[in-house]
Structure formats: structure tokens, C-alpha cells
Amino acid sequence: MPLSKRARIEIYLPETGKSSYARLHSAFENEFLHTFGGCTVIKGIKGLYLGSDGKTDFDRISLLYADTPFDFDDYFEELSDYTDRLREAALEASEEESVLIVVHEIYHSL
């Protein structure tokens, strides 16, 4: 059988220990579970970045991702709108200046 092209959505969220962030993580897990039938969660990832002072800073982050049933190219606009809404919800529910959400095409062997 040929490979099936799909879109994967990834959300990178900080692990702060705050209950509001735990609720946000849980909300995204449930969103992916009920929208796409499941998701993968990888916790304890180290994210590095340069601070405004030029020094290296790091955060512990979680990666949540789900593979959608949608072809990346055919549903690009819908995926873009959906991830914009996810990002807006994350920014509203957190104290973050930005939240990274990535969408890319993947291929499944079914």
C-alpha cells in the first residue's frame, strides 16, 4: 500500500509546576484525544534560548502532538485556522509571551 500523507500538530508548552499550566496541558491532551483519537506527550524536554541579556536560558517543556487524518496540502487553510485558535487559547490561559505550535507533513504506512 502507498504511504498516506497526513498533518502532524505539535504544541510545545513550558512545565512550570503551576496548576494553571497543568490544566492547560490537560486541556490540550483532551482536545487532541477527542478531536483526533489520541496524542503523544513527551515531558521533561530541555529547551534552550538566548535571553535579552545575551545569556543562555532554559526551560523544561512538554511536547504534545497528534497526527491528524488530514492531508497537509489539501487542508492547509483549515489546519492554519485550527492552530491559530490553539495558540490563542494557550496565550490566553498562560503567562507566556509566545507559544510554539508546529504543523508539518508526515507519512504513515497503513
PDB file of N, CA and C in Angstrom:
ATOM      1  N   MET A   1       0.840  -1.186   0.000  1.00  0.00           N
ATOM      2  CA  MET A   1       0.000   0.000   0.000  1.00  0.00           C
ATOM      3  C   MET A   1       0.884   1.247   0.000  1.00  0.00           C
ATOM      4  N   PRO A   2       0.426   2.295  -0.653  1.00  0.00           N
ATOM      5  CA  PRO A   2       1.213   3.529  -0.668  1.00  0.00           C
ATOM      6  C   PRO A   2       1.149   4.246   0.689  1.00  0.00           C
ATOM      7  N   LEU A   3       2.132   5.080   0.915  1.00  0.00           N
ATOM      8  CA  LEU A   3       2.141   5.880   2.135  1.00  0.00           C
ATOM      9  C   LEU A   3       1.002   6.889   2.098  1.00  0.00           C
ATOM     10  N   SER A   4       0.471   7.187   3.271  1.00  0.00           N
ATOM     11  CA  SER A   4      -0.615   8.153   3.409  1.00  0.00           C
ATOM     12  C   SER A   4      -0.058   9.449   3.994  1.00  0.00           C
ATOM     13  N   LYS A   5      -0.237  10.562   3.268  1.00  0.00           N
ATOM     14  CA  LYS A   5       0.278  11.854   3.741  1.00  0.00           C
ATOM     15  C   LYS A   5      -0.718  12.450   4.738  1.00  0.00           C
ATOM     16  N   ARG A   6      -0.199  12.866   5.881  1.00  0.00           N
ATOM     17  CA  ARG A   6      -1.010  13.439   6.955  1.00  0.00           C
ATOM     18  C   ARG A   6      -0.334  14.697   7.489  1.00  0.00           C
ATOM     19  N   ALA A   7      -1.066  15.393   8.331  1.00  0.00           N
ATOM     20  CA  ALA A   7      -0.507  16.552   9.034  1.00  0.00           C
ATOM     21  C   ALA A   7      -0.325  16.197  10.509  1.00  0.00           C
ATOM     22  N   ARG A   8       0.818  16.556  11.064  1.00  0.00           N
ATOM     23  CA  ARG A   8       1.076  16.402  12.498  1.00  0.00           C
ATOM     24  C   ARG A   8       1.074  17.786  13.125  1.00  0.00           C
ATOM     25  N   ILE A   9       0.375  17.907  14.258  1.00  0.00           N
ATOM     26  CA  ILE A   9       0.333  19.164  15.011  1.00  0.00           C
ATOM     27  C   ILE A   9       1.097  18.947  16.315  1.00  0.00           C
ATOM     28  N   GLU A  10       2.043  19.840  16.593  1.00  0.00           N
ATOM     29  CA  GLU A  10       2.864  19.762  17.802  1.00  0.00           C
ATOM     30  C   GLU A  10       2.689  21.044  18.608  1.00  0.00           C
ATOM     31  N   ILE A  11       2.544  20.896  19.915  1.00  0.00           N
ATOM     32  CA  ILE A  11       2.463  22.047  20.819  1.00  0.00           C
ATOM     33  C   ILE A  11       3.571  21.909  21.849  1.00  0.00           C
ATOM     34  N   TYR A  12       4.369  22.940  21.996  1.00  0.00           N
ATOM     35  CA  TYR A  12       5.458  22.979  22.970  1.00  0.00           C
ATOM     36  C   TYR A  12       5.023  23.882  24.120  1.00  0.00           C
ATOM     37  N   LEU A  13       4.898  23.299  25.314  1.00  0.00           N
ATOM     38  CA  LEU A  13       4.415  24.039  26.480  1.00  0.00           C
ATOM     39  C   LEU A  13       5.415  23.961  27.626  1.00  0.00           C
ATOM     40  N   PRO A  14       5.601  25.070  28.332  1.00  0.00           N
ATOM     41  CA  PRO A  14       6.528  25.043  29.474  1.00  0.00           C
ATOM     42  C   PRO A  14       5.957  24.223  30.626  1.00  0.00           C
ATOM     43  N   GLU A  15       6.852  23.610  31.378  1.00  0.00           N
ATOM     44  CA  GLU A  15       6.489  22.890  32.600  1.00  0.00           C
ATOM     45  C   GLU A  15       6.852  23.798  33.778  1.00  0.00           C
ATOM     46  N   THR A  16       5.861  24.478  34.317  1.00  0.00           N
ATOM     47  CA  THR A  16       6.134  25.455  35.368  1.00  0.00           C
ATOM     48  C   THR A  16       5.824  24.960  36.768  1.00  0.00           C
ATOM     49  N   GLY A  17       5.031  23.900  36.874  1.00  0.00           N
ATOM     50  CA  GLY A  17       4.592  23.440  38.185  1.00  0.00           C
ATOM     51  C   GLY A  17       3.353  24.155  38.676  1.00  0.00           C
ATOM     52  N   LYS A  18       2.900  25.178  37.953  1.00  0.00           N
ATOM     53  CA  LYS A  18       1.687  25.906  38.341  1.00  0.00           C
ATOM     54  C   LYS A  18       0.453  25.105  37.926  1.00  0.00           C
ATOM     55  N   SER A  19      -0.579  25.155  38.754  1.00  0.00           N
ATOM     56  CA  SER A  19      -1.790  24.387  38.462  1.00  0.00           C
ATOM     57  C   SER A  19      -2.477  24.876  37.186  1.00  0.00           C
ATOM     58  N   SER A  20      -2.366  26.165  36.880  1.00  0.00           N
ATOM     59  CA  SER A  20      -2.982  26.680  35.657  1.00  0.00           C
ATOM     60  C   SER A  20      -2.327  26.078  34.417  1.00  0.00           C
ATOM     61  N   TYR A  21      -1.036  25.837  34.477  1.00  0.00           N
ATOM     62  CA  TYR A  21      -0.331  25.222  33.352  1.00  0.00           C
ATOM     63  C   TYR A  21      -0.675  23.733  33.254  1.00  0.00           C
ATOM     64  N   ALA A  22      -0.842  23.070  34.398  1.00  0.00           N
ATOM     65  CA  ALA A  22      -1.252  21.663  34.383  1.00  0.00           C
ATOM     66  C   ALA A  22      -2.634  21.528  33.759  1.00  0.00           C
ATOM     67  N   ARG A  23      -3.526  22.459  34.056  1.00  0.00           N
ATOM     68  CA  ARG A  23      -4.864  22.440  33.445  1.00  0.00           C
ATOM     69  C   ARG A  23      -4.775  22.692  31.947  1.00  0.00           C
ATOM     70  N   LEU A  24      -3.870  23.584  31.520  1.00  0.00           N
ATOM     71  CA  LEU A  24      -3.685  23.859  30.100  1.00  0.00           C
ATOM     72  C   LEU A  24      -3.179  22.611  29.375  1.00  0.00           C
ATOM     73  N   HIS A  25      -2.199  21.942  29.957  1.00  0.00           N
ATOM     74  CA  HIS A  25      -1.680  20.691  29.374  1.00  0.00           C
ATOM     75  C   HIS A  25      -2.822  19.684  29.227  1.00  0.00           C
ATOM     76  N   SER A  26      -3.596  19.524  30.291  1.00  0.00           N
ATOM     77  CA  SER A  26      -4.696  18.568  30.284  1.00  0.00           C
ATOM     78  C   SER A  26      -5.742  18.937  29.230  1.00  0.00           C
ATOM     79  N   ALA A  27      -6.016  20.227  29.096  1.00  0.00           N
ATOM     80  CA  ALA A  27      -6.995  20.679  28.095  1.00  0.00           C
ATOM     81  C   ALA A  27      -6.532  20.343  26.685  1.00  0.00           C
ATOM     82  N   PHE A  28      -5.246  20.533  26.393  1.00  0.00           N
ATOM     83  CA  PHE A  28      -4.734  20.199  25.058  1.00  0.00           C
ATOM     84  C   PHE A  28      -4.713  18.686  24.836  1.00  0.00           C
ATOM     85  N   GLU A  29      -4.370  17.919  25.869  1.00  0.00           N
ATOM     86  CA  GLU A  29      -4.412  16.468  25.734  1.00  0.00           C
ATOM     87  C   GLU A  29      -5.832  16.014  25.395  1.00  0.00           C
ATOM     88  N   ASN A  30      -6.820  16.546  26.109  1.00  0.00           N
ATOM     89  CA  ASN A  30      -8.212  16.184  25.852  1.00  0.00           C
ATOM     90  C   ASN A  30      -8.680  16.658  24.483  1.00  0.00           C
ATOM     91  N   GLU A  31      -8.233  17.826  24.071  1.00  0.00           N
ATOM     92  CA  GLU A  31      -8.587  18.341  22.737  1.00  0.00           C
ATOM     93  C   GLU A  31      -8.097  17.386  21.661  1.00  0.00           C
ATOM     94  N   PHE A  32      -6.847  16.992  21.740  1.00  0.00           N
ATOM     95  CA  PHE A  32      -6.290  16.077  20.742  1.00  0.00           C
ATOM     96  C   PHE A  32      -6.925  14.688  20.844  1.00  0.00           C
ATOM     97  N   LEU A  33      -7.180  14.233  22.070  1.00  0.00           N
ATOM     98  CA  LEU A  33      -7.793  12.924  22.263  1.00  0.00           C
ATOM     99  C   LEU A  33      -9.164  12.859  21.591  1.00  0.00           C
ATOM    100  N   HIS A  34      -9.986  13.868  21.833  1.00  0.00           N
ATOM    101  CA  HIS A  34     -11.355  13.842  21.318  1.00  0.00           C
ATOM    102  C   HIS A  34     -11.461  14.300  19.866  1.00  0.00           C
ATOM    103  N   THR A  35     -10.514  15.088  19.402  1.00  0.00           N
ATOM    104  CA  THR A  35     -10.561  15.562  18.014  1.00  0.00           C
ATOM    105  C   THR A  35      -9.911  14.573  17.063  1.00  0.00           C
ATOM    106  N   PHE A  36      -8.779  13.985  17.468  1.00  0.00           N
ATOM    107  CA  PHE A  36      -8.016  13.128  16.566  1.00  0.00           C
ATOM    108  C   PHE A  36      -7.893  11.683  17.043  1.00  0.00           C
ATOM    109  N   GLY A  37      -8.477  11.365  18.198  1.00  0.00           N
ATOM    110  CA  GLY A  37      -8.456   9.991  18.672  1.00  0.00           C
ATOM    111  C   GLY A  37      -7.274   9.647  19.539  1.00  0.00           C
ATOM    112  N   GLY A  38      -6.390  10.600  19.794  1.00  0.00           N
ATOM    113  CA  GLY A  38      -5.245  10.347  20.654  1.00  0.00           C
ATOM    114  C   GLY A  38      -4.133  11.344  20.428  1.00  0.00           C
ATOM    115  N   CYS A  39      -3.123  11.246  21.271  1.00  0.00           N
ATOM    116  CA  CYS A  39      -1.955  12.123  21.144  1.00  0.00           C
ATOM    117  C   CYS A  39      -0.785  11.480  21.878  1.00  0.00           C
ATOM    118  N   THR A  40       0.369  12.041  21.668  1.00  0.00           N
ATOM    119  CA  THR A  40       1.582  11.622  22.366  1.00  0.00           C
ATOM    120  C   THR A  40       2.061  12.797  23.202  1.00  0.00           C
ATOM    121  N   VAL A  41       2.512  12.506  24.421  1.00  0.00           N
ATOM    122  CA  VAL A  41       3.024  13.535  25.324  1.00  0.00           C
ATOM    123  C   VAL A  41       4.425  13.131  25.754  1.00  0.00           C
ATOM    124  N   ILE A  42       5.364  14.021  25.541  1.00  0.00           N
ATOM    125  CA  ILE A  42       6.740  13.808  25.979  1.00  0.00           C
ATOM    126  C   ILE A  42       7.085  14.929  26.953  1.00  0.00           C
ATOM    127  N   LYS A  43       7.359  14.557  28.197  1.00  0.00           N
ATOM    128  CA  LYS A  43       7.640  15.548  29.236  1.00  0.00           C
ATOM    129  C   LYS A  43       9.131  15.603  29.538  1.00  0.00           C
ATOM    130  N   GLY A  44       9.544  16.724  30.143  1.00  0.00           N
ATOM    131  CA  GLY A  44      10.918  16.854  30.611  1.00  0.00           C
ATOM    132  C   GLY A  44      11.935  17.185  29.540  1.00  0.00           C
ATOM    133  N   ILE A  45      11.475  17.774  28.458  1.00  0.00           N
ATOM    134  CA  ILE A  45      12.403  18.174  27.398  1.00  0.00           C
ATOM    135  C   ILE A  45      13.066  19.488  27.811  1.00  0.00           C
ATOM    136  N   LYS A  46      14.334  19.630  27.500  1.00  0.00           N
ATOM    137  CA  LYS A  46      15.065  20.855  27.821  1.00  0.00           C
ATOM    138  C   LYS A  46      15.046  21.766  26.600  1.00  0.00           C
ATOM    139  N   GLY A  47      14.510  22.967  26.765  1.00  0.00           N
ATOM    140  CA  GLY A  47      14.509  23.966  25.704  1.00  0.00           C
ATOM    141  C   GLY A  47      15.495  25.076  26.037  1.00  0.00           C
ATOM    142  N   LEU A  48      16.380  25.396  25.111  1.00  0.00           N
ATOM    143  CA  LEU A  48      17.385  26.445  25.309  1.00  0.00           C
ATOM    144  C   LEU A  48      17.058  27.666  24.458  1.00  0.00           C
ATOM    145  N   TYR A  49      17.343  28.828  24.980  1.00  0.00           N
ATOM    146  CA  TYR A  49      17.162  30.062  24.218  1.00  0.00           C
ATOM    147  C   TYR A  49      18.068  31.153  24.781  1.00  0.00           C
ATOM    148  N   LEU A  50      18.309  32.153  23.965  1.00  0.00           N
ATOM    149  CA  LEU A  50      19.097  33.305  24.415  1.00  0.00           C
ATOM    150  C   LEU A  50      18.169  34.350  25.007  1.00  0.00           C
ATOM    151  N   GLY A  51      18.490  34.774  26.209  1.00  0.00           N
ATOM    152  CA  GLY A  51      17.721  35.829  26.859  1.00  0.00           C
ATOM    153  C   GLY A  51      18.062  37.185  26.266  1.00  0.00           C
ATOM    154  N   SER A  52      17.286  38.189  26.642  1.00  0.00           N
ATOM    155  CA  SER A  52      17.520  39.536  26.121  1.00  0.00           C
ATOM    156  C   SER A  52      18.882  40.077  26.544  1.00  0.00           C
ATOM    157  N   ASP A  53      19.453  39.515  27.621  1.00  0.00           N
ATOM    158  CA  ASP A  53      20.783  39.924  28.079  1.00  0.00           C
ATOM    159  C   ASP A  53      21.908  39.167  27.373  1.00  0.00           C
ATOM    160  N   GLY A  54      21.534  38.272  26.425  1.00  0.00           N
ATOM    161  CA  GLY A  54      22.530  37.511  25.678  1.00  0.00           C
ATOM    162  C   GLY A  54      22.978  36.228  26.359  1.00  0.00           C
ATOM    163  N   LYS A  55      22.480  35.984  27.568  1.00  0.00           N
ATOM    164  CA  LYS A  55      22.846  34.764  28.287  1.00  0.00           C
ATOM    165  C   LYS A  55      21.919  33.619  27.885  1.00  0.00           C
ATOM    166  N   THR A  56      22.441  32.413  28.003  1.00  0.00           N
ATOM    167  CA  THR A  56      21.657  31.233  27.691  1.00  0.00           C
ATOM    168  C   THR A  56      20.707  30.922  28.837  1.00  0.00           C
ATOM    169  N   ASP A  57      19.439  30.769  28.515  1.00  0.00           N
ATOM    170  CA  ASP A  57      18.425  30.378  29.484  1.00  0.00           C
ATOM    171  C   ASP A  57      17.830  29.057  29.019  1.00  0.00           C
ATOM    172  N   PHE A  58      17.161  28.362  29.937  1.00  0.00           N
ATOM    173  CA  PHE A  58      16.490  27.131  29.534  1.00  0.00           C
ATOM    174  C   PHE A  58      15.189  26.983  30.290  1.00  0.00           C
ATOM    175  N   ASP A  59      14.294  26.220  29.703  1.00  0.00           N
ATOM    176  CA  ASP A  59      13.022  25.846  30.316  1.00  0.00           C
ATOM    177  C   ASP A  59      12.852  24.353  30.157  1.00  0.00           C
ATOM    178  N   ARG A  60      12.123  23.777  31.068  1.00  0.00           N
ATOM    179  CA  ARG A  60      11.631  22.411  30.881  1.00  0.00           C
ATOM    180  C   ARG A  60      10.310  22.547  30.140  1.00  0.00           C
ATOM    181  N   ILE A  61      10.159  21.761  29.098  1.00  0.00           N
ATOM    182  CA  ILE A  61       8.943  21.849  28.300  1.00  0.00           C
ATOM    183  C   ILE A  61       8.380  20.453  28.064  1.00  0.00           C
ATOM    184  N   SER A  62       7.103  20.446  27.717  1.00  0.00           N
ATOM    185  CA  SER A  62       6.423  19.227  27.275  1.00  0.00           C
ATOM    186  C   SER A  62       6.067  19.401  25.812  1.00  0.00           C
ATOM    187  N   LEU A  63       6.137  18.303  25.095  1.00  0.00           N
ATOM    188  CA  LEU A  63       5.716  18.268  23.701  1.00  0.00           C
ATOM    189  C   LEU A  63       4.467  17.409  23.614  1.00  0.00           C
ATOM    190  N   LEU A  64       3.389  17.977  23.097  1.00  0.00           N
ATOM    191  CA  LEU A  64       2.162  17.238  22.818  1.00  0.00           C
ATOM    192  C   LEU A  64       1.987  17.227  21.322  1.00  0.00           C
ATOM    193  N   TYR A  65       1.738  16.046  20.755  1.00  0.00           N
ATOM    194  CA  TYR A  65       1.490  16.031  19.319  1.00  0.00           C
ATOM    195  C   TYR A  65       0.444  15.006  18.949  1.00  0.00           C
ATOM    196  N   ALA A  66      -0.224  15.303  17.848  1.00  0.00           N
ATOM    197  CA  ALA A  66      -1.243  14.416  17.304  1.00  0.00           C
ATOM    198  C   ALA A  66      -1.108  14.387  15.796  1.00  0.00           C
ATOM    199  N   ASP A  67      -1.330  13.207  15.254  1.00  0.00           N
ATOM    200  CA  ASP A  67      -1.375  13.052  13.801  1.00  0.00           C
ATOM    201  C   ASP A  67      -2.833  13.151  13.376  1.00  0.00           C
ATOM    202  N   THR A  68      -3.101  14.053  12.464  1.00  0.00           N
ATOM    203  CA  THR A  68      -4.464  14.263  12.006  1.00  0.00           C
ATOM    204  C   THR A  68      -4.768  13.332  10.836  1.00  0.00           C
ATOM    205  N   PRO A  69      -6.029  13.175  10.501  1.00  0.00           N
ATOM    206  CA  PRO A  69      -6.374  12.385   9.316  1.00  0.00           C
ATOM    207  C   PRO A  69      -6.322  13.202   8.032  1.00  0.00           C
ATOM    208  N   PHE A  70      -5.863  14.448   8.138  1.00  0.00           N
ATOM    209  CA  PHE A  70      -5.941  15.375   7.010  1.00  0.00           C
ATOM    210  C   PHE A  70      -4.641  15.454   6.222  1.00  0.00           C
ATOM    211  N   ASP A  71      -4.771  15.520   4.923  1.00  0.00           N
ATOM    212  CA  ASP A  71      -3.643  15.768   4.037  1.00  0.00           C
ATOM    213  C   ASP A  71      -3.154  17.196   4.283  1.00  0.00           C
ATOM    214  N   PHE A  72      -1.865  17.341   4.490  1.00  0.00           N
ATOM    215  CA  PHE A  72      -1.278  18.647   4.819  1.00  0.00           C
ATOM    216  C   PHE A  72      -1.605  19.708   3.761  1.00  0.00           C
ATOM    217  N   ASP A  73      -1.432  19.378   2.496  1.00  0.00           N
ATOM    218  CA  ASP A  73      -1.641  20.354   1.427  1.00  0.00           C
ATOM    219  C   ASP A  73      -3.119  20.655   1.191  1.00  0.00           C
ATOM    220  N   ASP A  74      -3.951  19.626   1.192  1.00  0.00           N
ATOM    221  CA  ASP A  74      -5.370  19.811   0.896  1.00  0.00           C
ATOM    222  C   ASP A  74      -6.106  20.589   1.977  1.00  0.00           C
ATOM    223  N   TYR A  75      -5.632  20.514   3.210  1.00  0.00           N
ATOM    224  CA  TYR A  75      -6.318  21.156   4.336  1.00  0.00           C
ATOM    225  C   TYR A  75      -5.459  22.221   5.013  1.00  0.00           C
ATOM    226  N   PHE A  76      -4.569  22.816   4.252  1.00  0.00           N
ATOM    227  CA  PHE A  76      -3.632  23.788   4.818  1.00  0.00           C
ATOM    228  C   PHE A  76      -4.346  24.940   5.525  1.00  0.00           C
ATOM    229  N   GLU A  77      -5.329  25.545   4.890  1.00  0.00           N
ATOM    230  CA  GLU A  77      -6.048  26.690   5.484  1.00  0.00           C
ATOM    231  C   GLU A  77      -6.770  26.290   6.765  1.00  0.00           C
ATOM    232  N   GLU A  78      -7.445  25.135   6.751  1.00  0.00           N
ATOM    233  CA  GLU A  78      -8.159  24.673   7.941  1.00  0.00           C
ATOM    234  C   GLU A  78      -7.191  24.369   9.079  1.00  0.00           C
ATOM    235  N   LEU A  79      -6.071  23.743   8.761  1.00  0.00           N
ATOM    236  CA  LEU A  79      -5.053  23.473   9.777  1.00  0.00           C
ATOM    237  C   LEU A  79      -4.477  24.767  10.343  1.00  0.00           C
ATOM    238  N   SER A  80      -4.265  25.741   9.482  1.00  0.00           N
ATOM    239  CA  SER A  80      -3.751  27.036   9.920  1.00  0.00           C
ATOM    240  C   SER A  80      -4.737  27.727  10.862  1.00  0.00           C
ATOM    241  N   ASP A  81      -6.008  27.727  10.500  1.00  0.00           N
ATOM    242  CA  ASP A  81      -7.029  28.328  11.364  1.00  0.00           C
ATOM    243  C   ASP A  81      -7.115  27.608  12.707  1.00  0.00           C
ATOM    244  N   TYR A  82      -7.097  26.295  12.669  1.00  0.00           N
ATOM    245  CA  TYR A  82      -7.189  25.495  13.891  1.00  0.00           C
ATOM    246  C   TYR A  82      -6.010  25.783  14.822  1.00  0.00           C
ATOM    247  N   THR A  83      -4.803  25.793  14.280  1.00  0.00           N
ATOM    248  CA  THR A  83      -3.633  26.035  15.131  1.00  0.00           C
ATOM    249  C   THR A  83      -3.580  27.478  15.622  1.00  0.00           C
ATOM    250  N   ASP A  84      -4.105  28.419  14.852  1.00  0.00           N
ATOM    251  CA  ASP A  84      -4.213  29.798  15.345  1.00  0.00           C
ATOM    252  C   ASP A  84      -5.109  29.845  16.582  1.00  0.00           C
ATOM    253  N   ARG A  85      -6.214  29.107  16.554  1.00  0.00           N
ATOM    254  CA  ARG A  85      -7.123  29.076  17.709  1.00  0.00           C
ATOM    255  C   ARG A  85      -6.457  28.393  18.905  1.00  0.00           C
ATOM    256  N   LEU A  86      -5.690  27.333  18.651  1.00  0.00           N
ATOM    257  CA  LEU A  86      -4.967  26.679  19.742  1.00  0.00           C
ATOM    258  C   LEU A  86      -3.965  27.634  20.376  1.00  0.00           C
ATOM    259  N   ARG A  87      -3.219  28.351  19.540  1.00  0.00           N
ATOM    260  CA  ARG A  87      -2.212  29.289  20.046  1.00  0.00           C
ATOM    261  C   ARG A  87      -2.868  30.401  20.859  1.00  0.00           C
ATOM    262  N   GLU A  88      -3.962  30.944  20.359  1.00  0.00           N
ATOM    263  CA  GLU A  88      -4.676  31.999  21.083  1.00  0.00           C
ATOM    264  C   GLU A  88      -5.158  31.503  22.444  1.00  0.00           C
ATOM    265  N   ALA A  89      -5.685  30.281  22.493  1.00  0.00           N
ATOM    266  CA  ALA A  89      -6.141  29.708  23.766  1.00  0.00           C
ATOM    267  C   ALA A  89      -4.978  29.529  24.729  1.00  0.00           C
ATOM    268  N   ALA A  90      -3.839  29.073  24.216  1.00  0.00           N
ATOM    269  CA  ALA A  90      -2.660  28.877  25.070  1.00  0.00           C
ATOM    270  C   ALA A  90      -2.158  30.205  25.625  1.00  0.00           C
ATOM    271  N   LEU A  91      -2.127  31.227  24.794  1.00  0.00           N
ATOM    272  CA  LEU A  91      -1.659  32.535  25.255  1.00  0.00           C
ATOM    273  C   LEU A  91      -2.616  33.132  26.281  1.00  0.00           C
ATOM    274  N   GLU A  92      -3.899  32.939  26.064  1.00  0.00           N
ATOM    275  CA  GLU A  92      -4.897  33.464  26.997  1.00  0.00           C
ATOM    276  C   GLU A  92      -4.838  32.762  28.345  1.00  0.00           C
ATOM    277  N   ALA A  93      -4.535  31.458  28.343  1.00  0.00           N
ATOM    278  CA  ALA A  93      -4.544  30.672  29.567  1.00  0.00           C
ATOM    279  C   ALA A  93      -3.204  30.653  30.296  1.00  0.00           C
ATOM    280  N   SER A  94      -2.178  31.252  29.715  1.00  0.00           N
ATOM    281  CA  SER A  94      -0.848  31.191  30.315  1.00  0.00           C
ATOM    282  C   SER A  94      -0.275  32.597  30.476  1.00  0.00           C
ATOM    283  N   GLU A  95       0.919  32.627  31.020  1.00  0.00           N
ATOM    284  CA  GLU A  95       1.649  33.881  31.190  1.00  0.00           C
ATOM    285  C   GLU A  95       2.749  34.021  30.143  1.00  0.00           C
ATOM    286  N   GLU A  96       2.674  33.220  29.089  1.00  0.00           N
ATOM    287  CA  GLU A  96       3.720  33.191  28.074  1.00  0.00           C
ATOM    288  C   GLU A  96       3.575  34.335  27.075  1.00  0.00           C
ATOM    289  N   GLU A  97       4.730  34.807  26.569  1.00  0.00           N
ATOM    290  CA  GLU A  97       4.734  35.815  25.508  1.00  0.00           C
ATOM    291  C   GLU A  97       4.463  35.175  24.155  1.00  0.00           C
ATOM    292  N   SER A  98       4.853  33.913  24.013  1.00  0.00           N
ATOM    293  CA  SER A  98       4.612  33.182  22.776  1.00  0.00           C
ATOM    294  C   SER A  98       4.513  31.700  23.105  1.00  0.00           C
ATOM    295  N   VAL A  99       3.819  30.977  22.252  1.00  0.00           N
ATOM    296  CA  VAL A  99       3.686  29.532  22.369  1.00  0.00           C
ATOM    297  C   VAL A  99       3.969  28.958  20.989  1.00  0.00           C
ATOM    298  N   LEU A 100       4.860  27.979  20.938  1.00  0.00           N
ATOM    299  CA  LEU A 100       5.234  27.386  19.663  1.00  0.00           C
ATOM    300  C   LEU A 100       4.291  26.239  19.322  1.00  0.00           C
ATOM    301  N   ILE A 101       3.641  26.365  18.174  1.00  0.00           N
ATOM    302  CA  ILE A 101       2.830  25.293  17.607  1.00  0.00           C
ATOM    303  C   ILE A 101       3.354  25.041  16.204  1.00  0.00           C
ATOM    304  N   VAL A 102       3.641  23.788  15.905  1.00  0.00           N
ATOM    305  CA  VAL A 102       4.229  23.407  14.633  1.00  0.00           C
ATOM    306  C   VAL A 102       3.283  22.449  13.920  1.00  0.00           C
ATOM    307  N   VAL A 103       3.149  22.644  12.620  1.00  0.00           N
ATOM    308  CA  VAL A 103       2.401  21.695  11.788  1.00  0.00           C
ATOM    309  C   VAL A 103       3.318  21.294  10.641  1.00  0.00           C
ATOM    310  N   HIS A 104       3.436  20.001  10.422  1.00  0.00           N
ATOM    311  CA  HIS A 104       4.246  19.549   9.292  1.00  0.00           C
ATOM    312  C   HIS A 104       3.647  18.279   8.727  1.00  0.00           C
ATOM    313  N   GLU A 105       4.045  17.973   7.505  1.00  0.00           N
ATOM    314  CA  GLU A 105       3.517  16.771   6.891  1.00  0.00           C
ATOM    315  C   GLU A 105       4.361  15.560   7.273  1.00  0.00           C
ATOM    316  N   ILE A 106       3.665  14.473   7.455  1.00  0.00           N
ATOM    317  CA  ILE A 106       4.306  13.196   7.768  1.00  0.00           C
ATOM    318  C   ILE A 106       3.669  12.144   6.861  1.00  0.00           C
ATOM    319  N   TYR A 107       4.259  11.005   6.824  1.00  0.00           N
ATOM    320  CA  TYR A 107       3.734   9.915   6.003  1.00  0.00           C
ATOM    321  C   TYR A 107       3.563   8.671   6.853  1.00  0.00           C
ATOM    322  N   HIS A 108       2.363   8.110   6.819  1.00  0.00           N
ATOM    323  CA  HIS A 108       2.045   6.885   7.547  1.00  0.00           C
ATOM    324  C   HIS A 108       2.025   5.712   6.584  1.00  0.00           C
ATOM    325  N   SER A 109       2.501   4.593   7.034  1.00  0.00           N
ATOM    326  CA  SER A 109       2.353   3.350   6.304  1.00  0.00           C
ATOM    327  C   SER A 109       1.187   2.612   6.946  1.00  0.00           C
ATOM    328  N   LEU A 110       0.094   2.537   6.221  1.00  0.00           N
ATOM    329  CA  LEU A 110      -1.113   1.917   6.777  1.00  0.00           C
ATOM    330  C   LEU A 110      -1.343   0.537   6.221  1.00  0.00           C
TER     331      LEU A 110
END
